Amino acid sequence: MRAEENLKELLNLMKSYLNRIDFLKVDEMIKEIRKSRRVFIVGAGLNSFVAGIFATRLAHLGYVAYSTETLMPPIEEGDLLIAISGSGFTRPTVDYAKVAKEVGAKVVAITSFKDSELAKIADILVEIPGRIITEKYKKDYLERQIAGIVEPKASKVMNFEILCILLIDAIIDDLK
């Protein structure tokens, strides 16, 4: 019975988060995907898996897409980088975004934290609720892992990734 209650709570939370997404920004991201030569999707930890799902779904539609789950060629001008980080401070993800900007690629940030380092780099910011943002969790993902900082209630922590996956499916349906 507890699993059923947890699922109902999660679905209700996802519905409330849905109302906080700026879908005009999502539409901007979709336009960039359509016109980009290649799409690179990056993330760390669970977000690396989310990036892999997104790249795979895009590849199924015929887009040239890479993720942190695959070998990636150098990013170039005319390419699009979609950087996924709940905190927006995760070092490898922020570094990918910086390099992409330096070479003239467009950068989309998907994060819960609009004032994060990643958000400030991005050409387009898609703010996804769900990541717990406190001073303690603004640290880089790898720094939190090494320091043993455990975020409260695992299902709450994964809300960002779950909502990203749901959004990816909606984007893929739009691109079809």
N, C-alpha and C. Protein backbone atom coordinates (compact mmCIF):
# COMPACT_ATOMS: atom_id res chain seq x y z
N MET A 1 0.82 -1.20 0.00
CA MET A 1 0.00 0.00 0.00
C MET A 1 0.86 1.25 0.00
N ARG A 2 2.03 1.19 0.62
CA ARG A 2 2.91 2.35 0.69
C ARG A 2 3.37 2.78 -0.71
N ALA A 3 3.67 1.81 -1.57
CA ALA A 3 4.11 2.13 -2.94
C ALA A 3 3.01 2.88 -3.69
N GLU A 4 1.76 2.47 -3.50
CA GLU A 4 0.65 3.14 -4.16
C GLU A 4 0.53 4.59 -3.68
N GLU A 5 0.68 4.79 -2.37
CA GLU A 5 0.62 6.15 -1.81
C GLU A 5 1.77 7.00 -2.35
N ASN A 6 2.96 6.41 -2.43
CA ASN A 6 4.12 7.14 -2.95
C ASN A 6 3.90 7.55 -4.40
N LEU A 7 3.35 6.64 -5.20
CA LEU A 7 3.11 6.94 -6.61
C LEU A 7 2.07 8.05 -6.76
N LYS A 8 1.00 8.00 -6.00
CA LYS A 8 -0.02 9.06 -6.05
C LYS A 8 0.57 10.41 -5.66
N GLU A 9 1.40 10.41 -4.62
CA GLU A 9 2.05 11.64 -4.18
C GLU A 9 2.96 12.19 -5.28
N LEU A 10 3.71 11.30 -5.91
CA LEU A 10 4.62 11.71 -6.97
C LEU A 10 3.86 12.28 -8.16
N LEU A 11 2.79 11.64 -8.58
CA LEU A 11 1.99 12.12 -9.71
C LEU A 11 1.37 13.49 -9.41
N ASN A 12 0.89 13.68 -8.20
CA ASN A 12 0.34 14.99 -7.81
C ASN A 12 1.42 16.07 -7.83
N LEU A 13 2.60 15.71 -7.36
CA LEU A 13 3.71 16.65 -7.37
C LEU A 13 4.10 17.01 -8.81
N MET A 14 4.15 16.02 -9.70
CA MET A 14 4.48 16.27 -11.11
C MET A 14 3.46 17.22 -11.74
N LYS A 15 2.19 17.04 -11.42
CA LYS A 15 1.15 17.93 -11.95
C LYS A 15 1.37 19.36 -11.48
N SER A 16 1.72 19.52 -10.22
CA SER A 16 1.94 20.88 -9.70
C SER A 16 3.18 21.50 -10.34
N TYR A 17 4.22 20.70 -10.58
CA TYR A 17 5.43 21.20 -11.22
C TYR A 17 5.16 21.61 -12.67
N LEU A 18 4.31 20.86 -13.33
CA LEU A 18 3.99 21.12 -14.73
C LEU A 18 3.52 22.55 -14.94
N ASN A 19 2.76 23.07 -14.01
CA ASN A 19 2.23 24.43 -14.11
C ASN A 19 3.31 25.50 -13.98
N ARG A 20 4.51 25.11 -13.56
CA ARG A 20 5.58 26.07 -13.35
C ARG A 20 6.60 26.09 -14.50
N ILE A 21 6.39 25.29 -15.53
CA ILE A 21 7.31 25.25 -16.67
C ILE A 21 6.89 26.30 -17.69
N ASP A 22 7.85 27.07 -18.18
CA ASP A 22 7.60 28.06 -19.21
C ASP A 22 7.71 27.36 -20.57
N PHE A 23 6.56 27.00 -21.15
CA PHE A 23 6.57 26.24 -22.39
C PHE A 23 6.96 27.08 -23.60
N LEU A 24 7.00 28.39 -23.47
CA LEU A 24 7.55 29.22 -24.55
C LEU A 24 9.05 28.94 -24.68
N LYS A 25 9.71 28.73 -23.55
CA LYS A 25 11.14 28.38 -23.56
C LYS A 25 11.35 26.98 -24.14
N VAL A 26 10.44 26.08 -23.83
CA VAL A 26 10.52 24.72 -24.40
C VAL A 26 10.36 24.81 -25.91
N ASP A 27 9.44 25.64 -26.39
CA ASP A 27 9.25 25.83 -27.83
C ASP A 27 10.51 26.40 -28.47
N GLU A 28 11.18 27.33 -27.79
CA GLU A 28 12.45 27.86 -28.31
C GLU A 28 13.48 26.75 -28.45
N MET A 29 13.54 25.87 -27.44
CA MET A 29 14.47 24.75 -27.49
C MET A 29 14.15 23.84 -28.67
N ILE A 30 12.88 23.56 -28.89
CA ILE A 30 12.46 22.70 -30.00
C ILE A 30 12.88 23.32 -31.34
N LYS A 31 12.71 24.62 -31.49
CA LYS A 31 13.13 25.32 -32.72
C LYS A 31 14.64 25.17 -32.93
N GLU A 32 15.41 25.28 -31.85
CA GLU A 32 16.87 25.12 -31.96
C GLU A 32 17.24 23.70 -32.34
N ILE A 33 16.54 22.71 -31.79
CA ILE A 33 16.81 21.32 -32.15
C ILE A 33 16.57 21.13 -33.65
N ARG A 34 15.45 21.65 -34.12
CA ARG A 34 15.09 21.49 -35.54
C ARG A 34 16.12 22.10 -36.49
N LYS A 35 16.72 23.22 -36.10
CA LYS A 35 17.62 23.89 -37.03
C LYS A 35 19.10 23.58 -36.80
N SER A 36 19.43 22.85 -35.75
CA SER A 36 20.83 22.55 -35.44
C SER A 36 21.34 21.40 -36.29
N ARG A 37 22.61 21.49 -36.63
CA ARG A 37 23.28 20.45 -37.41
C ARG A 37 23.41 19.17 -36.59
N ARG A 38 23.86 19.34 -35.35
CA ARG A 38 24.01 18.21 -34.43
C ARG A 38 23.57 18.66 -33.05
N VAL A 39 23.09 17.71 -32.25
CA VAL A 39 22.63 18.01 -30.90
C VAL A 39 23.45 17.19 -29.91
N PHE A 40 24.05 17.88 -28.95
CA PHE A 40 24.83 17.26 -27.89
C PHE A 40 24.04 17.44 -26.59
N ILE A 41 23.84 16.36 -25.84
CA ILE A 41 23.08 16.45 -24.60
C ILE A 41 23.96 15.90 -23.48
N VAL A 42 24.16 16.71 -22.45
CA VAL A 42 25.10 16.34 -21.40
C VAL A 42 24.46 16.47 -20.02
N GLY A 43 24.97 15.68 -19.11
CA GLY A 43 24.56 15.71 -17.71
C GLY A 43 25.48 14.80 -16.93
N ALA A 44 25.40 14.86 -15.62
CA ALA A 44 26.22 14.00 -14.75
C ALA A 44 25.29 13.22 -13.82
N GLY A 45 25.76 12.10 -13.35
CA GLY A 45 24.95 11.27 -12.46
C GLY A 45 23.69 10.79 -13.18
N LEU A 46 22.55 10.89 -12.51
CA LEU A 46 21.29 10.48 -13.14
C LEU A 46 21.00 11.29 -14.39
N ASN A 47 21.45 12.53 -14.41
CA ASN A 47 21.21 13.37 -15.59
C ASN A 47 21.97 12.90 -16.81
N SER A 48 23.04 12.15 -16.61
CA SER A 48 23.74 11.55 -17.74
C SER A 48 22.83 10.51 -18.41
N PHE A 49 22.10 9.76 -17.60
CA PHE A 49 21.15 8.79 -18.15
C PHE A 49 20.01 9.50 -18.87
N VAL A 50 19.53 10.59 -18.30
CA VAL A 50 18.47 11.39 -18.94
C VAL A 50 18.98 11.90 -20.29
N ALA A 51 20.23 12.38 -20.32
CA ALA A 51 20.83 12.85 -21.57
C ALA A 51 20.88 11.73 -22.60
N GLY A 52 21.23 10.53 -22.15
CA GLY A 52 21.28 9.39 -23.05
C GLY A 52 19.92 9.04 -23.63
N ILE A 53 18.90 9.12 -22.80
CA ILE A 53 17.53 8.86 -23.27
C ILE A 53 17.14 9.88 -24.33
N PHE A 54 17.42 11.15 -24.05
CA PHE A 54 17.06 12.22 -24.97
C PHE A 54 17.78 12.04 -26.31
N ALA A 55 19.09 11.80 -26.27
CA ALA A 55 19.86 11.62 -27.50
C ALA A 55 19.37 10.42 -28.29
N THR A 56 19.07 9.34 -27.62
CA THR A 56 18.56 8.15 -28.30
C THR A 56 17.23 8.42 -28.97
N ARG A 57 16.35 9.10 -28.26
CA ARG A 57 15.04 9.42 -28.84
C ARG A 57 15.19 10.33 -30.05
N LEU A 58 16.11 11.32 -29.99
CA LEU A 58 16.34 12.19 -31.13
C LEU A 58 16.92 11.40 -32.31
N ALA A 59 17.85 10.51 -32.02
CA ALA A 59 18.45 9.68 -33.08
C ALA A 59 17.39 8.82 -33.77
N HIS A 60 16.43 8.32 -33.01
CA HIS A 60 15.34 7.53 -33.61
C HIS A 60 14.53 8.36 -34.61
N LEU A 61 14.51 9.68 -34.42
CA LEU A 61 13.79 10.56 -35.33
C LEU A 61 14.68 11.04 -36.50
N GLY A 62 15.94 10.60 -36.51
CA GLY A 62 16.83 10.96 -37.60
C GLY A 62 17.76 12.12 -37.32
N TYR A 63 17.73 12.65 -36.10
CA TYR A 63 18.66 13.72 -35.74
C TYR A 63 20.03 13.12 -35.44
N VAL A 64 21.06 13.90 -35.68
CA VAL A 64 22.41 13.50 -35.27
C VAL A 64 22.56 13.98 -33.84
N ALA A 65 22.58 13.04 -32.91
CA ALA A 65 22.56 13.40 -31.49
C ALA A 65 23.58 12.57 -30.72
N TYR A 66 24.23 13.23 -29.76
CA TYR A 66 25.23 12.60 -28.92
C TYR A 66 24.91 12.92 -27.47
N SER A 67 25.39 12.08 -26.56
CA SER A 67 25.21 12.36 -25.14
C SER A 67 26.45 11.96 -24.36
N THR A 68 26.45 12.30 -23.09
CA THR A 68 27.55 11.91 -22.22
C THR A 68 27.59 10.40 -22.04
N GLU A 69 26.59 9.70 -22.53
CA GLU A 69 26.56 8.24 -22.49
C GLU A 69 27.26 7.62 -23.70
N THR A 70 27.70 8.45 -24.65
CA THR A 70 28.35 7.96 -25.87
C THR A 70 29.65 8.73 -26.09
N LEU A 71 30.42 8.28 -27.05
CA LEU A 71 31.58 9.06 -27.47
C LEU A 71 31.07 10.24 -28.27
N MET A 72 31.62 11.41 -28.00
CA MET A 72 31.15 12.61 -28.69
C MET A 72 32.29 13.23 -29.48
N PRO A 73 32.02 13.65 -30.71
CA PRO A 73 33.02 14.40 -31.46
C PRO A 73 33.10 15.82 -30.89
N PRO A 74 34.06 16.61 -31.33
CA PRO A 74 34.13 18.00 -30.86
C PRO A 74 32.88 18.78 -31.28
N ILE A 75 32.41 19.60 -30.39
CA ILE A 75 31.26 20.45 -30.69
C ILE A 75 31.74 21.65 -31.49
N GLU A 76 30.89 22.12 -32.42
CA GLU A 76 31.29 23.21 -33.31
C GLU A 76 30.18 24.23 -33.43
N GLU A 77 30.52 25.35 -34.06
CA GLU A 77 29.52 26.36 -34.38
C GLU A 77 28.42 25.71 -35.23
N GLY A 78 27.17 26.06 -34.96
CA GLY A 78 26.05 25.45 -35.67
C GLY A 78 25.45 24.26 -34.94
N ASP A 79 26.15 23.79 -33.90
CA ASP A 79 25.65 22.68 -33.09
C ASP A 79 24.84 23.24 -31.92
N LEU A 80 24.13 22.36 -31.27
CA LEU A 80 23.34 22.71 -30.08
C LEU A 80 23.77 21.83 -28.93
N LEU A 81 24.03 22.45 -27.78
CA LEU A 81 24.31 21.70 -26.56
C LEU A 81 23.13 21.88 -25.62
N ILE A 82 22.57 20.78 -25.17
CA ILE A 82 21.53 20.81 -24.14
C ILE A 82 22.18 20.27 -22.87
N ALA A 83 22.30 21.12 -21.87
CA ALA A 83 22.98 20.78 -20.62
C ALA A 83 21.95 20.59 -19.52
N ILE A 84 21.93 19.41 -18.92
CA ILE A 84 20.93 19.06 -17.90
C ILE A 84 21.62 18.97 -16.54
N SER A 85 21.20 19.82 -15.61
CA SER A 85 21.74 19.81 -14.25
C SER A 85 20.70 20.38 -13.30
N GLY A 86 20.23 19.57 -12.39
CA GLY A 86 19.23 20.05 -11.43
C GLY A 86 19.71 21.27 -10.69
N SER A 87 20.94 21.22 -10.19
CA SER A 87 21.47 22.35 -9.42
C SER A 87 21.97 23.47 -10.32
N GLY A 88 22.44 23.12 -11.50
CA GLY A 88 23.04 24.12 -12.39
C GLY A 88 24.47 24.45 -12.02
N PHE A 89 25.04 23.72 -11.09
CA PHE A 89 26.41 23.96 -10.65
C PHE A 89 27.33 22.77 -10.89
N THR A 90 26.83 21.70 -11.45
CA THR A 90 27.64 20.50 -11.63
C THR A 90 28.79 20.78 -12.60
N ARG A 91 29.99 20.59 -12.11
CA ARG A 91 31.20 21.01 -12.83
C ARG A 91 31.30 20.47 -14.26
N PRO A 92 31.24 19.18 -14.51
CA PRO A 92 31.41 18.74 -15.90
C PRO A 92 30.35 19.34 -16.83
N THR A 93 29.13 19.43 -16.37
CA THR A 93 28.04 19.96 -17.20
C THR A 93 28.25 21.44 -17.49
N VAL A 94 28.63 22.21 -16.49
CA VAL A 94 28.91 23.63 -16.67
C VAL A 94 30.11 23.81 -17.61
N ASP A 95 31.12 22.97 -17.47
CA ASP A 95 32.29 23.05 -18.34
C ASP A 95 31.93 22.77 -19.80
N TYR A 96 31.10 21.77 -20.04
CA TYR A 96 30.63 21.50 -21.41
C TYR A 96 29.96 22.75 -21.98
N ALA A 97 29.11 23.39 -21.19
CA ALA A 97 28.38 24.57 -21.66
C ALA A 97 29.34 25.71 -21.98
N LYS A 98 30.34 25.92 -21.14
CA LYS A 98 31.33 26.98 -21.39
C LYS A 98 32.06 26.76 -22.70
N VAL A 99 32.50 25.54 -22.92
CA VAL A 99 33.23 25.21 -24.15
C VAL A 99 32.32 25.39 -25.36
N ALA A 100 31.09 24.93 -25.26
CA ALA A 100 30.14 25.06 -26.37
C ALA A 100 29.96 26.54 -26.75
N LYS A 101 29.81 27.39 -25.75
CA LYS A 101 29.66 28.83 -26.01
C LYS A 101 30.91 29.40 -26.67
N GLU A 102 32.08 28.97 -26.20
CA GLU A 102 33.34 29.48 -26.74
C GLU A 102 33.49 29.17 -28.23
N VAL A 103 32.98 28.02 -28.68
CA VAL A 103 33.13 27.63 -30.08
C VAL A 103 31.97 28.12 -30.95
N GLY A 104 30.98 28.76 -30.33
CA GLY A 104 29.87 29.32 -31.09
C GLY A 104 28.65 28.44 -31.21
N ALA A 105 28.58 27.39 -30.41
CA ALA A 105 27.38 26.56 -30.40
C ALA A 105 26.31 27.23 -29.52
N LYS A 106 25.06 26.92 -29.76
CA LYS A 106 23.96 27.39 -28.91
C LYS A 106 23.91 26.49 -27.68
N VAL A 107 23.51 27.07 -26.55
CA VAL A 107 23.42 26.31 -25.31
C VAL A 107 22.03 26.46 -24.71
N VAL A 108 21.41 25.31 -24.43
CA VAL A 108 20.16 25.26 -23.69
C VAL A 108 20.49 24.67 -22.32
N ALA A 109 20.05 25.34 -21.26
CA ALA A 109 20.21 24.81 -19.91
C ALA A 109 18.86 24.31 -19.42
N ILE A 110 18.85 23.09 -18.91
CA ILE A 110 17.67 22.55 -18.23
C ILE A 110 18.09 22.38 -16.78
N THR A 111 17.49 23.18 -15.90
CA THR A 111 17.89 23.21 -14.49
C THR A 111 16.73 23.68 -13.63
N SER A 112 16.83 23.44 -12.34
CA SER A 112 15.83 23.94 -11.39
C SER A 112 16.23 25.30 -10.83
N PHE A 113 17.42 25.75 -11.15
CA PHE A 113 17.95 26.92 -10.46
C PHE A 113 18.31 28.01 -11.46
N LYS A 114 17.43 28.99 -11.62
CA LYS A 114 17.59 30.03 -12.64
C LYS A 114 18.77 30.97 -12.39
N ASP A 115 19.30 30.99 -11.18
CA ASP A 115 20.45 31.84 -10.88
C ASP A 115 21.76 31.06 -10.85
N SER A 116 21.74 29.86 -11.37
CA SER A 116 22.93 29.01 -11.33
C SER A 116 23.94 29.42 -12.39
N GLU A 117 25.13 28.89 -12.25
CA GLU A 117 26.21 29.15 -13.20
C GLU A 117 25.80 28.67 -14.61
N LEU A 118 25.18 27.51 -14.69
CA LEU A 118 24.75 26.96 -15.97
C LEU A 118 23.70 27.86 -16.62
N ALA A 119 22.74 28.30 -15.85
CA ALA A 119 21.66 29.16 -16.38
C ALA A 119 22.23 30.45 -16.96
N LYS A 120 23.26 30.99 -16.32
CA LYS A 120 23.85 32.25 -16.78
C LYS A 120 24.60 32.09 -18.10
N ILE A 121 25.07 30.90 -18.40
CA ILE A 121 25.79 30.63 -19.65
C ILE A 121 24.82 30.44 -20.81
N ALA A 122 23.64 29.93 -20.52
CA ALA A 122 22.71 29.47 -21.55
C ALA A 122 22.13 30.57 -22.42
N ASP A 123 21.88 30.21 -23.67
CA ASP A 123 21.11 31.06 -24.58
C ASP A 123 19.62 30.91 -24.29
N ILE A 124 19.23 29.70 -23.92
CA ILE A 124 17.84 29.39 -23.58
C ILE A 124 17.84 28.65 -22.25
N LEU A 125 17.01 29.11 -21.33
CA LEU A 125 16.88 28.47 -20.01
C LEU A 125 15.50 27.82 -19.91
N VAL A 126 15.50 26.51 -19.72
CA VAL A 126 14.26 25.79 -19.44
C VAL A 126 14.33 25.39 -17.97
N GLU A 127 13.53 26.06 -17.19
CA GLU A 127 13.54 25.83 -15.74
C GLU A 127 12.56 24.71 -15.41
N ILE A 128 13.10 23.65 -14.81
CA ILE A 128 12.30 22.48 -14.44
C ILE A 128 12.30 22.38 -12.92
N PRO A 129 11.16 22.51 -12.28
CA PRO A 129 11.12 22.35 -10.82
C PRO A 129 11.49 20.92 -10.43
N GLY A 130 11.81 20.73 -9.19
CA GLY A 130 12.02 19.37 -8.71
C GLY A 130 13.31 19.16 -7.95
N ARG A 131 14.35 19.90 -8.26
CA ARG A 131 15.60 19.75 -7.53
C ARG A 131 15.50 20.58 -6.27
N ILE A 132 15.95 20.03 -5.18
CA ILE A 132 15.98 20.75 -3.92
C ILE A 132 17.15 21.72 -3.97
N ILE A 133 16.88 22.99 -3.81
CA ILE A 133 17.94 23.99 -3.90
C ILE A 133 18.11 24.68 -2.55
N THR A 134 19.13 24.30 -1.86
CA THR A 134 19.55 24.98 -0.64
C THR A 134 21.05 25.17 -0.77
N GLU A 135 21.64 25.94 0.10
CA GLU A 135 23.09 26.17 0.01
C GLU A 135 23.85 24.84 0.00
N LYS A 136 23.39 23.90 0.78
CA LYS A 136 24.05 22.60 0.88
C LYS A 136 24.04 21.87 -0.46
N TYR A 137 22.96 22.02 -1.23
CA TYR A 137 22.82 21.27 -2.49
C TYR A 137 23.26 22.06 -3.71
N LYS A 138 23.75 23.28 -3.53
CA LYS A 138 24.25 24.06 -4.66
C LYS A 138 25.65 23.60 -5.06
N LYS A 139 26.20 22.70 -4.29
CA LYS A 139 27.52 22.19 -4.62
C LYS A 139 27.43 21.34 -5.89
N ASP A 140 28.55 21.21 -6.55
CA ASP A 140 28.68 20.36 -7.71
C ASP A 140 28.27 18.92 -7.34
N TYR A 141 27.64 18.23 -8.29
CA TYR A 141 27.17 16.86 -8.07
C TYR A 141 28.31 15.97 -7.57
N LEU A 142 29.47 16.03 -8.23
CA LEU A 142 30.59 15.17 -7.84
C LEU A 142 31.11 15.53 -6.46
N GLU A 143 31.13 16.81 -6.14
CA GLU A 143 31.56 17.26 -4.82
C GLU A 143 30.62 16.70 -3.74
N ARG A 144 29.31 16.73 -4.02
CA ARG A 144 28.33 16.18 -3.06
C ARG A 144 28.55 14.68 -2.87
N GLN A 145 28.82 13.99 -3.97
CA GLN A 145 29.01 12.54 -3.90
C GLN A 145 30.25 12.19 -3.08
N ILE A 146 31.34 12.87 -3.36
CA ILE A 146 32.59 12.60 -2.65
C ILE A 146 32.48 12.95 -1.17
N ALA A 147 31.78 14.04 -0.86
CA ALA A 147 31.62 14.48 0.53
C ALA A 147 30.58 13.66 1.28
N GLY A 148 29.84 12.83 0.56
CA GLY A 148 28.82 12.01 1.20
C GLY A 148 27.57 12.78 1.59
N ILE A 149 27.29 13.88 0.89
CA ILE A 149 26.08 14.65 1.16
C ILE A 149 24.91 13.90 0.54
N VAL A 150 24.03 13.41 1.39
CA VAL A 150 22.88 12.64 0.93
C VAL A 150 21.66 13.56 0.96
N GLU A 151 21.01 13.66 -0.19
CA GLU A 151 19.82 14.50 -0.26
C GLU A 151 18.65 13.76 0.37
N PRO A 152 17.69 14.48 0.94
CA PRO A 152 16.58 13.83 1.64
C PRO A 152 15.63 13.10 0.69
N LYS A 153 15.05 12.03 1.17
CA LYS A 153 14.03 11.23 0.50
C LYS A 153 14.30 11.07 -1.00
N ALA A 154 14.83 9.94 -1.36
CA ALA A 154 15.29 9.70 -2.73
C ALA A 154 14.26 10.07 -3.79
N SER A 155 12.99 9.76 -3.58
CA SER A 155 12.00 10.06 -4.62
C SER A 155 11.87 11.56 -4.85
N LYS A 156 12.05 12.35 -3.81
CA LYS A 156 11.99 13.80 -3.95
C LYS A 156 13.17 14.31 -4.77
N VAL A 157 14.33 13.72 -4.56
CA VAL A 157 15.54 14.11 -5.27
C VAL A 157 15.39 13.82 -6.76
N MET A 158 14.76 12.72 -7.09
CA MET A 158 14.66 12.29 -8.48
C MET A 158 13.53 12.98 -9.23
N ASN A 159 12.76 13.84 -8.57
CA ASN A 159 11.66 14.51 -9.26
C ASN A 159 12.13 15.28 -10.48
N PHE A 160 13.28 15.93 -10.38
CA PHE A 160 13.82 16.68 -11.51
C PHE A 160 14.04 15.76 -12.70
N GLU A 161 14.71 14.64 -12.48
CA GLU A 161 15.00 13.71 -13.57
C GLU A 161 13.73 13.09 -14.14
N ILE A 162 12.79 12.76 -13.29
CA ILE A 162 11.52 12.18 -13.76
C ILE A 162 10.78 13.19 -14.63
N LEU A 163 10.72 14.43 -14.19
CA LEU A 163 10.03 15.47 -14.97
C LEU A 163 10.77 15.73 -16.28
N CYS A 164 12.09 15.69 -16.27
CA CYS A 164 12.86 15.84 -17.50
C CYS A 164 12.50 14.75 -18.51
N ILE A 165 12.41 13.52 -18.04
CA ILE A 165 12.07 12.40 -18.94
C ILE A 165 10.67 12.59 -19.51
N LEU A 166 9.73 13.03 -18.69
CA LEU A 166 8.37 13.28 -19.19
C LEU A 166 8.39 14.41 -20.23
N LEU A 167 9.16 15.45 -19.95
CA LEU A 167 9.26 16.56 -20.89
C LEU A 167 9.91 16.11 -22.21
N ILE A 168 10.92 15.26 -22.11
CA ILE A 168 11.58 14.72 -23.31
C ILE A 168 10.55 14.01 -24.19
N ASP A 169 9.69 13.20 -23.59
CA ASP A 169 8.67 12.50 -24.39
C ASP A 169 7.74 13.49 -25.08
N ALA A 170 7.38 14.56 -24.39
CA ALA A 170 6.52 15.57 -24.99
C ALA A 170 7.23 16.28 -26.14
N ILE A 171 8.52 16.55 -25.97
CA ILE A 171 9.31 17.20 -27.02
C ILE A 171 9.44 16.28 -28.23
N ILE A 172 9.70 15.02 -27.99
CA ILE A 172 9.84 14.04 -29.08
C ILE A 172 8.54 13.96 -29.86
N ASP A 173 7.41 13.93 -29.16
CA ASP A 173 6.11 13.90 -29.86
C ASP A 173 5.94 15.14 -30.72
N ASP A 174 6.39 16.29 -30.24
CA ASP A 174 6.32 17.54 -31.01
C ASP A 174 7.20 17.44 -32.26
N LEU A 175 8.40 16.90 -32.11
CA LEU A 175 9.34 16.80 -33.23
C LEU A 175 8.91 15.79 -34.29
N LYS A 176 8.06 14.85 -33.93
CA LYS A 176 7.57 13.86 -34.90
C LYS A 176 6.78 14.58 -35.97
